[in-house]
Structures are given as structure tokens and as C-alpha cells.
Protein backbone atom coordinates (compact mmCIF):
# COMPACT_ATOMS: atom_id res chain seq x y z
CA MET A 1 37.85 72.21 97.83
CA LYS A 2 39.92 74.64 95.77
CA LEU A 3 41.23 77.72 97.56
CA SER A 4 39.49 80.00 95.06
CA GLU A 5 36.12 78.46 95.98
CA ILE A 6 36.75 78.90 99.70
CA LEU A 7 37.68 82.57 99.22
CA LYS A 8 34.68 83.34 97.01
CA GLY A 9 33.09 86.66 98.00
CA LEU A 10 35.94 87.60 100.36
CA SER A 11 37.82 90.87 99.90
CA TYR A 12 41.56 90.14 100.17
CA THR A 13 45.02 90.65 98.70
CA CYS A 14 47.56 87.95 97.88
CA SER A 15 50.83 88.44 95.99
CA ASN A 16 51.61 84.75 95.46
CA PHE A 17 48.19 83.12 94.98
CA THR A 18 48.14 79.40 94.16
CA ASP A 19 44.79 77.70 93.66
CA CYS A 20 45.66 74.67 95.77
CA GLU A 21 43.38 72.07 97.30
CA ILE A 22 42.19 72.77 100.86
CA ASN A 23 41.08 69.85 103.03
CA ASP A 24 40.08 71.78 106.14
CA ILE A 25 40.27 75.11 108.00
CA ALA A 26 41.86 75.70 111.43
CA TYR A 27 42.36 78.68 113.71
CA ASP A 28 44.25 76.62 116.31
CA SER A 29 47.82 75.95 115.15
CA ARG A 30 47.79 72.60 116.98
CA LYS A 31 45.19 71.35 114.49
CA CYS A 32 47.23 72.38 111.43
CA GLY A 33 48.77 70.07 108.86
CA GLU A 34 49.13 69.47 105.15
CA GLY A 35 46.17 70.82 103.19
CA ILE A 36 44.82 72.86 106.13
CA LEU A 37 44.26 76.63 105.82
CA PHE A 38 45.35 78.42 109.02
CA VAL A 39 43.38 81.53 110.03
CA CYS A 40 45.12 83.99 112.38
CA LEU A 41 42.34 85.14 114.69
CA VAL A 42 42.92 88.22 116.81
CA SER A 43 41.17 88.52 120.18
CA ALA A 44 41.52 90.17 123.57
CA PHE A 45 43.28 87.06 124.80
CA THR A 46 45.68 86.15 122.00
CA ASP A 47 46.89 86.87 118.47
CA GLY A 48 46.93 83.99 116.00
CA HIS A 49 49.80 85.58 114.12
CA LYS A 50 52.08 84.51 116.99
CA TYR A 51 51.49 80.86 116.11
CA ILE A 52 51.92 81.07 112.36
CA GLN A 53 55.41 79.53 112.44
CA SER A 54 54.07 76.57 114.43
CA ALA A 55 51.27 76.11 111.87
CA TYR A 56 53.87 76.17 109.05
CA GLU A 57 56.05 73.59 110.79
CA LYS A 58 53.03 71.28 111.14
CA GLY A 59 52.55 71.35 107.36
CA SER A 60 50.11 74.18 106.61
CA ARG A 61 51.07 76.28 103.58
CA VAL A 62 48.05 78.61 103.24
CA PHE A 63 47.52 81.39 105.78
CA LEU A 64 44.76 83.97 106.23
CA CYS A 65 46.15 87.00 108.09
CA GLU A 66 45.45 90.64 108.93
CA LYS A 67 49.04 91.74 108.29
CA GLU A 68 52.18 90.71 106.44
CA VAL A 69 54.09 87.83 108.02
CA ASP A 70 57.55 86.36 107.56
CA LEU A 71 57.24 82.89 106.04
CA PRO A 72 59.17 80.84 103.42
CA GLU A 73 58.35 81.41 99.73
CA ASP A 74 56.19 78.28 99.42
CA ALA A 75 53.61 79.78 101.80
CA VAL A 76 50.48 81.41 100.37
CA VAL A 77 49.65 84.44 102.51
CA ILE A 78 46.19 85.98 102.13
CA ILE A 79 45.58 89.38 103.76
CA SER A 80 42.10 90.43 104.87
CA ASP A 81 41.04 93.37 107.06
CA ASN A 82 39.26 91.23 109.68
CA THR A 83 40.09 87.54 110.00
CA ARG A 84 37.08 86.86 112.25
CA SER A 85 34.74 88.11 109.56
CA ALA A 86 36.82 86.30 106.93
CA LEU A 87 36.63 83.01 108.87
CA ALA A 88 32.85 83.25 108.92
CA LYS A 89 32.68 83.81 105.17
CA ILE A 90 35.10 81.06 104.18
CA SER A 91 33.42 78.62 106.62
CA CYS A 92 30.07 79.23 104.90
CA ASN A 93 31.76 78.49 101.56
CA PHE A 94 33.64 75.44 102.85
CA PHE A 95 30.49 73.83 104.26
CA HIS A 96 28.36 74.85 101.24
CA TYR A 97 26.12 77.35 103.07
CA PRO A 98 24.22 74.89 105.30
CA SER A 99 21.77 77.60 106.45
CA ARG A 100 20.28 77.42 102.94
CA ASP A 101 19.43 73.76 103.52
CA ILE A 102 17.92 74.07 107.00
CA LYS A 103 15.67 76.69 108.59
CA VAL A 104 17.74 78.50 111.22
CA ILE A 105 15.90 80.15 114.11
CA GLY A 106 18.06 82.58 116.09
CA ILE A 107 17.04 83.55 119.63
CA THR A 108 18.65 86.56 121.29
CA GLY A 109 17.97 88.37 124.55
CA THR A 110 19.35 88.51 128.07
CA LYS A 111 17.20 85.90 129.79
CA GLY A 112 15.38 82.79 128.68
CA LYS A 113 17.29 81.87 125.51
CA THR A 114 18.10 78.32 126.58
CA THR A 115 14.65 77.49 127.91
CA THR A 116 12.90 79.08 124.94
CA ALA A 117 15.06 77.15 122.48
CA HIS A 118 14.00 73.89 124.13
CA ILE A 119 10.32 74.87 124.19
CA VAL A 120 10.53 75.56 120.45
CA LYS A 121 12.28 72.25 119.80
CA PHE A 122 9.68 70.21 121.70
CA LEU A 123 6.78 71.95 119.96
CA LEU A 124 8.21 71.61 116.44
CA GLU A 125 9.16 67.98 116.96
CA ALA A 126 5.64 67.25 118.23
CA GLY A 127 4.58 68.41 114.78
CA GLY A 128 7.01 66.02 113.07
CA ILE A 129 9.72 68.61 112.32
CA ARG A 130 13.17 67.22 113.15
CA THR A 131 14.89 70.03 115.06
CA GLY A 132 18.39 70.63 116.36
CA ILE A 133 19.60 72.92 119.13
CA ILE A 134 22.78 74.99 119.35
CA GLY A 135 23.34 76.78 122.64
CA THR A 136 24.50 76.90 126.23
CA VAL A 137 23.79 73.25 127.03
CA GLY A 138 25.46 72.08 123.81
CA SER A 139 24.57 71.24 120.24
CA PHE A 140 22.46 68.19 119.50
CA TYR A 141 19.62 66.63 117.54
CA GLY A 142 17.98 63.31 118.32
CA ASP A 143 20.65 61.22 120.07
CA THR A 144 23.52 62.97 118.30
CA VAL A 145 25.60 65.34 120.45
CA ILE A 146 28.07 67.75 118.84
CA PRO A 147 30.65 69.23 121.26
CA THR A 148 30.75 73.05 121.52
CA VAL A 149 32.37 75.60 123.85
CA ASN A 150 30.56 78.95 123.52
CA THR A 151 26.82 79.67 123.67
CA THR A 152 27.21 80.75 120.04
CA PRO A 153 30.07 78.64 118.60
CA GLU A 154 32.94 80.11 116.60
CA SER A 155 31.89 80.52 112.96
CA TYR A 156 33.79 77.45 111.72
CA GLU A 157 32.18 75.18 114.35
CA LEU A 158 28.80 76.79 113.74
CA GLN A 159 28.81 76.15 110.00
CA LYS A 160 30.16 72.63 110.52
CA THR A 161 27.41 71.92 113.06
CA LEU A 162 24.70 73.29 110.76
CA ARG A 163 26.01 71.08 107.94
CA ILE A 164 25.95 68.00 110.20
CA MET A 165 22.37 68.79 111.23
CA ALA A 166 21.20 69.49 107.69
CA ASP A 167 22.79 66.27 106.42
CA GLY A 168 21.35 64.45 109.44
CA GLY A 169 17.80 65.21 108.33
CA CYS A 170 17.01 68.22 110.49
CA GLN A 171 14.49 70.58 108.95
CA ALA A 172 15.08 73.29 111.56
CA VAL A 173 17.65 74.32 114.13
CA VAL A 174 17.09 76.64 117.08
CA MET A 175 20.22 78.49 118.16
CA GLU A 176 20.99 80.91 120.95
CA VAL A 177 22.62 84.00 119.44
CA SER A 178 24.67 85.87 122.02
CA SER A 179 25.67 89.51 121.77
CA LEU A 180 29.33 88.44 121.75
CA GLY A 181 28.57 85.95 119.00
CA LEU A 182 27.26 88.83 116.91
CA LYS A 183 30.09 91.19 117.86
CA HIS A 184 32.74 88.60 117.00
CA HIS A 185 31.22 87.70 113.61
CA ARG A 186 30.42 84.10 114.63
CA VAL A 187 27.05 84.09 112.85
CA GLU A 188 28.09 86.24 109.88
CA GLY A 189 26.96 84.70 106.61
CA THR A 190 24.28 82.58 108.28
CA GLU A 191 20.89 82.98 106.62
CA PHE A 192 18.27 83.08 109.38
CA TYR A 193 14.73 81.96 108.66
CA CYS A 194 13.54 83.76 111.80
CA GLY A 195 15.03 85.90 114.57
CA VAL A 196 13.54 86.05 118.07
CA PHE A 197 13.93 88.78 120.69
CA THR A 198 13.05 87.82 124.28
CA ASN A 199 14.13 90.71 126.55
CA LEU A 200 16.99 93.04 127.45
CA PHE A 201 18.66 93.68 130.80
CA PRO A 202 22.17 94.91 131.66
CA ASP A 203 24.59 91.99 131.34
CA HIS A 204 27.98 91.02 129.86
CA ILE A 205 29.36 94.50 130.48
CA GLY A 206 33.01 94.71 131.44
CA THR A 207 36.51 93.64 130.45
CA ASN A 208 36.63 91.50 127.29
CA GLU A 209 32.84 91.74 126.85
CA HIS A 210 30.95 95.01 126.15
CA ASP A 211 32.09 98.50 127.09
CA SER A 212 28.60 99.70 127.99
CA PHE A 213 24.94 98.74 128.10
CA GLU A 214 24.43 100.76 124.91
CA GLU A 215 27.00 98.66 123.08
CA TYR A 216 25.50 95.44 124.46
CA ALA A 217 22.04 96.52 123.30
CA TYR A 218 23.36 97.54 119.86
CA TRP A 219 24.77 94.10 119.16
CA LYS A 220 21.49 92.47 120.15
CA THR A 221 19.74 94.39 117.37
CA GLN A 222 22.24 93.25 114.75
CA LEU A 223 20.66 89.81 114.46
CA PHE A 224 17.49 91.10 112.85
CA PRO A 225 18.78 92.55 109.56
CA MET A 226 20.00 88.97 108.90
CA CYS A 227 16.52 87.46 109.32
CA LYS A 228 13.67 86.89 106.88
CA LYS A 229 11.14 86.96 109.74
CA ALA A 230 11.13 88.24 113.32
CA ILE A 231 9.26 87.40 116.54
CA VAL A 232 9.49 90.21 119.09
CA ASN A 233 8.47 90.52 122.76
CA ILE A 234 6.36 93.69 122.59
CA ASP A 235 6.23 93.88 126.42
CA ASP A 236 9.92 94.72 126.63
CA PRO A 237 10.78 98.45 126.52
CA PHE A 238 13.61 97.74 124.06
CA SER A 239 11.25 96.15 121.52
CA ASN A 240 10.87 99.37 119.50
CA GLU A 241 14.64 99.44 118.90
CA VAL A 242 14.52 95.84 117.75
CA LEU A 243 11.53 96.44 115.49
CA ASP A 244 13.43 99.27 113.79
CA HIS A 245 16.04 96.72 112.67
CA CYS A 246 13.58 94.12 111.35
CA THR A 247 13.47 93.95 107.58
CA ASP A 248 10.57 91.66 106.66
CA GLU A 249 7.64 89.85 108.32
CA ILE A 250 7.21 90.78 112.00
CA ILE A 251 5.19 88.93 114.65
CA THR A 252 4.79 90.31 118.17
CA TYR A 253 3.87 88.54 121.39
CA GLY A 254 3.19 89.39 125.02
CA TYR A 255 0.52 90.59 127.42
CA ASP A 256 0.01 93.76 125.40
CA ASN A 257 -3.31 93.75 123.53
CA ARG A 258 -1.52 95.06 120.43
CA ALA A 259 0.44 91.80 120.14
CA ASP A 260 -0.25 89.17 117.50
CA TYR A 261 -0.03 86.47 120.22
CA ILE A 262 -1.55 87.65 123.52
CA LEU A 263 -0.98 85.80 126.81
CA GLN A 264 -4.00 85.63 129.12
CA ASN A 265 -5.37 83.86 132.20
CA CYS A 266 -2.21 82.20 133.52
CA GLU A 267 -2.85 79.64 136.26
CA LYS A 268 -0.30 77.58 138.19
CA VAL A 269 -0.94 73.84 138.01
CA LYS A 270 0.68 70.87 139.71
CA LEU A 271 0.58 67.48 138.02
CA GLY A 272 1.93 65.05 140.59
CA ASN A 273 5.34 66.49 141.44
CA ILE A 274 5.56 68.39 138.14
CA LEU A 275 5.01 72.15 138.35
CA GLY A 276 3.42 73.79 135.32
CA VAL A 277 1.31 76.66 134.02
CA ALA A 278 -2.05 76.61 132.24
CA PHE A 279 -2.78 79.63 130.07
CA ASP A 280 -4.84 81.06 127.23
CA VAL A 281 -3.50 82.53 124.00
CA LYS A 282 -5.42 84.91 121.80
CA ALA A 283 -3.96 84.84 118.30
CA ARG A 284 -5.58 86.39 115.25
CA GLY A 285 -8.87 86.68 117.12
CA VAL A 286 -8.97 83.03 118.23
CA ASP A 287 -8.63 81.90 121.87
CA LYS A 288 -6.78 78.66 122.57
CA LYS A 289 -5.81 76.88 125.80
CA TYR A 290 -2.44 75.31 126.62
CA THR A 291 -0.46 73.87 129.53
CA ILE A 292 3.33 73.88 129.74
CA ALA A 293 5.22 71.43 131.93
CA LEU A 294 7.54 74.12 133.31
CA PRO A 295 6.91 76.33 136.35
CA GLY A 296 6.62 80.09 136.25
CA GLU A 297 4.52 82.46 134.20
CA ILE A 298 7.64 83.50 132.27
CA ASN A 299 7.63 80.08 130.61
CA ALA A 300 4.03 80.59 129.47
CA HIS A 301 5.20 83.93 128.06
CA ASN A 302 8.11 82.24 126.23
CA SER A 303 5.71 79.59 124.91
CA LEU A 304 4.15 82.22 122.67
CA ILE A 305 7.38 82.23 120.65
CA ALA A 306 7.09 78.49 120.10
CA LEU A 307 3.41 78.76 119.19
CA ALA A 308 4.16 81.49 116.64
CA LEU A 309 6.92 79.34 115.11
CA GLY A 310 4.62 76.34 115.15
CA ASP A 311 2.13 78.29 113.06
CA MET A 312 4.91 79.29 110.66
CA PHE A 313 5.85 75.61 110.22
CA GLY A 314 2.25 74.43 109.98
CA VAL A 315 2.07 72.55 113.30
CA CYS A 316 -1.55 71.88 114.29
CA GLN A 317 -2.93 73.00 117.66
CA ALA A 318 -3.20 69.47 119.08
CA ASP A 319 0.46 68.75 118.35
CA SER A 320 1.51 72.16 119.70
CA ALA A 321 -0.39 71.52 122.93
CA GLU A 322 1.17 68.06 123.30
CA GLY A 323 4.66 69.45 122.67
CA LEU A 324 4.29 72.01 125.47
CA LYS A 325 3.20 69.30 127.90
CA GLN A 326 6.37 67.32 127.15
CA VAL A 327 8.92 70.16 127.51
CA PHE A 328 12.08 69.29 129.39
CA VAL A 329 15.12 71.57 129.74
CA LYS A 330 18.28 70.09 131.19
CA GLY A 331 19.49 72.17 134.09
CA ARG A 332 17.00 75.01 133.63
CA CYS A 333 14.20 74.65 136.16
CA GLU A 334 14.50 70.93 135.44
CA ILE A 335 12.01 68.90 137.46
CA LEU A 336 13.03 65.31 138.14
CA LYS A 337 10.48 62.54 137.91
CA ASP A 338 10.14 59.52 140.18
CA THR A 339 10.94 61.46 143.36
CA ASP A 340 7.85 60.34 145.29
CA ASP A 341 5.69 63.33 146.31
CA ILE A 342 8.72 65.59 146.71
CA THR A 343 9.37 68.09 143.91
CA VAL A 344 13.05 68.23 142.96
CA ILE A 345 14.27 71.12 140.80
CA ILE A 346 17.76 71.27 139.27
CA ASP A 347 18.68 74.74 138.08
CA TYR A 348 21.76 76.62 136.89
CA ALA A 349 21.08 79.57 139.23
CA HIS A 350 24.49 80.67 140.51
CA ASN A 351 24.00 84.28 141.63
CA GLY A 352 21.61 86.14 143.90
CA VAL A 353 19.22 87.31 141.18
CA SER A 354 18.81 83.90 139.54
CA LEU A 355 18.51 82.10 142.89
CA LYS A 356 15.81 84.51 144.04
CA SER A 357 13.97 83.93 140.76
CA ILE A 358 13.92 80.15 141.07
CA ILE A 359 12.89 80.25 144.75
CA ASP A 360 10.17 82.80 143.93
CA THR A 361 8.92 80.48 141.20
CA ALA A 362 8.80 77.49 143.56
CA ARG A 363 7.16 79.41 146.42
CA ALA A 364 4.24 80.36 144.17
CA TYR A 365 3.11 76.72 144.21
CA GLU A 366 1.51 74.90 147.10
CA HIS A 367 4.28 73.35 149.18
CA ASN A 368 5.34 72.23 152.63
CA ARG A 369 8.93 73.53 152.83
CA ILE A 370 11.48 75.00 150.44
CA ILE A 371 14.88 73.32 150.88
CA THR A 372 17.67 74.93 148.85
CA LEU A 373 21.10 73.42 148.17
CA PHE A 374 23.91 75.41 146.56
CA GLY A 375 27.53 76.59 146.81
CA SER A 376 29.64 79.28 145.18
CA VAL A 377 32.45 79.13 142.64
CA GLY A 378 36.01 79.55 143.87
CA GLY A 379 37.96 82.64 142.89
CA ARG A 380 34.87 84.83 142.54
CA THR A 381 33.84 88.02 144.31
CA GLU A 382 32.63 87.91 147.89
CA CYS A 383 29.46 89.82 146.98
CA ARG A 384 28.13 86.80 145.08
CA ARG A 385 28.42 84.66 148.21
CA GLU A 386 26.72 87.35 150.23
CA GLU A 387 23.86 87.52 147.73
CA LEU A 388 23.40 83.75 147.63
CA GLY A 389 23.51 83.33 151.41
CA SER A 390 21.19 86.25 152.07
CA VAL A 391 18.62 85.22 149.46
CA SER A 392 18.40 81.62 150.61
CA GLY A 393 18.54 82.52 154.29
CA TYR A 394 15.60 84.87 153.87
CA MET A 395 13.51 82.88 151.37
CA SER A 396 14.19 79.18 152.07
CA ASP A 397 12.92 77.14 154.99
CA PHE A 398 16.25 75.36 155.12
CA THR A 399 19.57 75.76 153.31
CA VAL A 400 22.18 73.09 152.57
CA ILE A 401 25.44 74.90 151.87
CA THR A 402 27.93 72.89 149.82
CA SER A 403 30.55 73.10 147.05
CA ASP A 404 30.23 74.42 143.51
CA ASP A 405 33.50 74.43 141.51
CA PRO A 406 35.74 75.49 144.44
CA ASP A 407 38.82 75.12 142.22
CA PHE A 408 41.86 76.20 144.27
CA GLU A 409 39.89 77.69 147.18
CA ASP A 410 39.15 75.77 150.36
CA PRO A 411 35.53 74.48 150.00
CA ARG A 412 34.75 74.78 153.69
CA SER A 413 35.93 78.40 153.80
CA ILE A 414 33.60 79.26 150.90
CA CYS A 415 30.72 77.49 152.67
CA GLU A 416 31.37 79.29 155.94
CA GLU A 417 31.41 82.64 154.16
CA ILE A 418 28.01 81.90 152.60
CA ALA A 419 26.72 80.63 155.95
CA SER A 420 27.58 83.89 157.72
CA HIS A 421 25.23 85.77 155.39
CA CYS A 422 22.57 83.06 155.58
CA LYS A 423 22.67 83.36 159.36
CA LYS A 424 22.34 87.17 159.23
CA ALA A 425 19.20 86.72 157.12
CA GLY A 426 17.72 84.50 159.82
CA GLY A 427 18.04 81.27 157.85
CA LYS A 428 18.42 77.72 159.14
CA TYR A 429 21.27 75.88 157.47
CA VAL A 430 23.84 73.11 157.51
CA ILE A 431 27.33 73.07 155.95
CA ILE A 432 28.31 69.91 154.03
CA PRO A 433 31.26 70.69 151.69
CA ASP A 434 31.10 67.35 149.86
CA ARG A 435 28.31 67.92 147.31
CA SER A 436 27.47 64.23 146.99
CA GLU A 437 26.98 63.98 150.75
CA ALA A 438 25.02 67.23 150.71
CA VAL A 439 22.59 65.94 148.07
CA ASN A 440 22.12 62.74 150.05
CA TYR A 441 21.42 64.74 153.23
CA ALA A 442 18.89 67.02 151.49
CA VAL A 443 16.99 64.10 149.96
CA LYS A 444 16.89 62.21 153.26
CA MET A 445 15.52 65.24 155.17
CA ALA A 446 12.90 66.08 152.51
CA GLN A 447 9.32 65.23 153.43
CA SER A 448 6.05 64.90 151.53
CA GLY A 449 5.09 68.20 149.86
CA ASP A 450 8.58 69.71 150.11
CA ILE A 451 10.24 71.39 147.15
CA LEU A 452 13.97 70.67 146.96
CA ILE A 453 16.01 73.09 144.82
CA LEU A 454 19.53 72.11 143.79
CA ALA A 455 21.14 75.22 142.34
CA GLY A 456 24.36 76.07 140.56
CA LYS A 457 25.37 73.00 138.56
CA GLY A 458 22.42 72.89 136.17
CA HIS A 459 23.40 71.09 132.96
CA GLU A 460 27.06 70.69 133.99
CA GLU A 461 28.32 67.21 134.77
CA TYR A 462 31.59 68.01 136.48
CA MET A 463 33.03 69.79 139.50
CA LYS A 464 36.09 72.00 139.01
CA ILE A 465 38.55 71.11 141.78
CA LYS A 466 42.17 72.32 141.84
CA GLY A 467 42.27 72.93 138.11
CA GLU A 468 40.71 69.58 137.20
CA LYS A 469 37.19 68.81 135.97
CA VAL A 470 36.05 65.97 138.22
CA PRO A 471 32.92 64.10 136.98
CA PHE A 472 29.81 64.93 138.99
CA ASN A 473 26.24 64.24 137.87
CA GLU A 474 23.67 65.86 140.17
CA ARG A 475 20.78 63.90 138.64
CA GLU A 476 22.44 60.58 139.32
CA GLU A 477 23.22 61.67 142.87
CA VAL A 478 19.57 62.56 143.48
CA ILE A 479 18.27 59.30 141.99
CA ARG A 480 20.76 57.28 144.06
CA ALA A 481 19.76 59.16 147.23
CA PHE A 482 16.03 58.54 146.65
CA ARG A 483 16.70 54.87 145.96
CA GLU A 484 18.64 54.51 149.20
CA LYS A 485 15.93 56.43 151.05
CA LYS A 486 13.30 53.96 149.83
CA GLU A 487 15.52 51.06 150.84
CA GLY A 488 15.92 52.57 154.30
CA LYS A 489 19.68 53.00 154.05
């Protein structure tokens, strides 16, 4: 693509412009080479201008900067006020605005983005709409997985991923839009078919994130001027602020009788070892019944988003109902099948609040005992370990304390610290630092009617030990343990 086409719509200055051919864009100097435009991104962690000489030596001759740089005369230096914003714009151009070829659904909020994105995907695909996901657990559609790092990928990766999905036959993509993704211009230029607001709580406030709750909240609202349509949780106190930023069609959902989609009559159901919720929805004066194969009333609440989107896309009620019954979210209240009459939940809960939430959810269902297995990340604050130990000690019938990314800390020391707080809360526990052995122990001790919660790893398939990511798949460990249990080993 010609440089002039890539820069279309961008405000910039360039004293030695040459309309050369550009083969790709990079903001990592290690990926530079002949025909690659290097963008100098500036962040709290680094300044891309420091690596411009390295990019030149690797063969790049076109550079997008925020200031003048010292390079040989054959280099084309383009100056723009904000290279993050500029990267978003030129990435849209380079990948031919993929959001115009696929309906992009952006979900923002503090809690529930990942789960809600999956609920939407299952419901739309039940209606025959090929749907991709971009978010915390990765980017994928069908059997195709596209590697990503951030919840909301950097703008170049985002536009590349949208192009792959559009060309791969996806009609829709559901993406988690983080406040930092909005603040750092990662979604700039993306044309959203619909924006979704779930809820707002204090989060991501501190060094290298947001200076205050007010700033965090502000960036959440900035998704909606980019959207043709909006779906808003009217139960959340912040919804009025969000509604003020919506520009076109607005749909509301919640318990509130003013909502377009009203949640009613939630009832916990257990199908074998699968925990779910049956509920009614009143929409446009019509009452309909659904069941979702995820525990907790919050997931019935989030289902209203999927049902509203299903109506937008023309999905019939029967297909919507079937989609909700098939929902599966990797590492987010994920219930494993084929575990006899023992319910096994794998969840990403890694702090006191999230662990309390998942145990609360499990306790609401008929059960024998709650057995909770977890650890705590190395190099983190002691208060997190206190929260985790206290919550499980007080709420669980038994706690298996183990490792969770100990990194350079001694795993047993972390476990013993957690155990001291578990003990103070009156909890029964065992310490098994090796997580594989801990999973095996928990499965072997579990009895009929027990609910076994394995918290902390969630969708991750590695353990961080002494700076290395060592492969660890909790699902495989559970399946192996149940197989050995059946065989009497």
C-alpha cells in the first residue's frame, strides 16, 4: 500500500515526503525491516523514539514520530501530535477499515465483560451468525485462535484481527473494550455497530492506569459516541452518565420496570452437575422463559444483553433459548462435565472479592460441602493473601491451599501465610504447594454432592515459576484425577 493511502485522514507534517510502498506497520523495532513503517509509541513504560536507530538499521526508512529525530537523509520522518492515535488511524487504513465489513459489538464495564461476550457469542451462533470474540481469554472464531496480549489489543493488532475475522466469514465480533483501551486510543477509528454497558465499580486506579475513579468512569463513557446503537444496564447508578453519551438507538435492560428488557422470576436450577438459572424476560410487553447453563443470577441479568442483540440480528426465540443452554466460558465459572455427581468449577477468582463472589454463587445451590482450592501470586501485597485465606476459611467447608504463579517467592511460605488467615477464620485446610498434587488431593477427597472450586488460574494454561511460564492445564489435571479416582489409584 502506498504511504499516502496509509496516512489518509491523518494530520501530520513531513518535510521530505516520498510516496513509497509500505508492506507492514510495526511499533516494536525488533519487527522492523525493509518496507515497514515504524511508529514511535510513547507510554508510561517506554518511548519508541529511543529505538528509532535500531529500526533504521534493520531496514525501515519511514518513521511516524511525535518529535524531530536525527536520522540519515534517506529516512522519511512523519510528525504527528499523538502517535497512539495516529497508529489507530493508519491501522484502519492499512487493513481497509474491517469494522465496515463486520458488525462490531463493544462491551465495557467493570465486571462481567468476558462472560457476557461469551453469552452473546453462543446466542448469536445458535441463530447461525458466525461470531468472533476479542478479549481477556484471547481472540478467536470457530477453531481459529489469534494471539493477543491485552484485553483490548493495541490498535494495529485489533484492526488486523478484525480483518482476519471479516475475511474468515464472521458476521459479528464481540469485543471487551477496557477503559485503558479507550484511553490509549486502541479502538479509535473502529466503527461499532453496538456498545454495551454492564456496570461500574472502582477499579484500575493507580500508577500507570487511572488517576481517579472519575477519570476511570469518564473513559468508560467514551465508547458510546462511537456506536450506532447502545445497550445499557439501567439498574446501575452510572447508567444516566452513559445514556448522556449515547448518540442513536438506545435499549435498556435490568430489573427496573422502565427497562426495555426486564428480568423476572429467577430460579436456581441444577441439571446433573451443571448449575444454572431459569428466568423470565419481559420485552416489549411479551413474557418469555429461558434457562442459562451458568450459575448465579448475575448471568441471567447479563443474558438480557445477548437477548437484545439476538433481536437486533433477527435470532428467533427458540434459537436464543438453545444458545443460552449451551453457554460455556473458559475459566469464568466454568463447570466441568463428566465429573460424576461432583460439581467442579474452574474460575479466575484471584482476590478476596472475586473469591467470595464465586463461593457465594456455589453456596446458593443445594450441596454437601464446598471445597475450595487456590493460592496467591508471588510478589503481591500481603493483604490479598489475608483476604483469600479469611474468605475461604470462613465460607468453605474445606480449603486446599496451593501455588498460583509463585514466581521468585517460596511457594510454601506463600501457602503458610494464607493458612494463618484461614486458621484465624476458623477454617479447616491442608497445604499442598504442588498444584498438580493439590488438585489430585481435592478430587480424591470430594464426595457425592460436593462442589469443588478451583480458583485463580481460570483460562490460563501456565504457572509462572522463577521468571518462566511452565505449562499447567487445570482442566487436564482434574480430568486425570477423576480418571485415576475411578480406577482406584
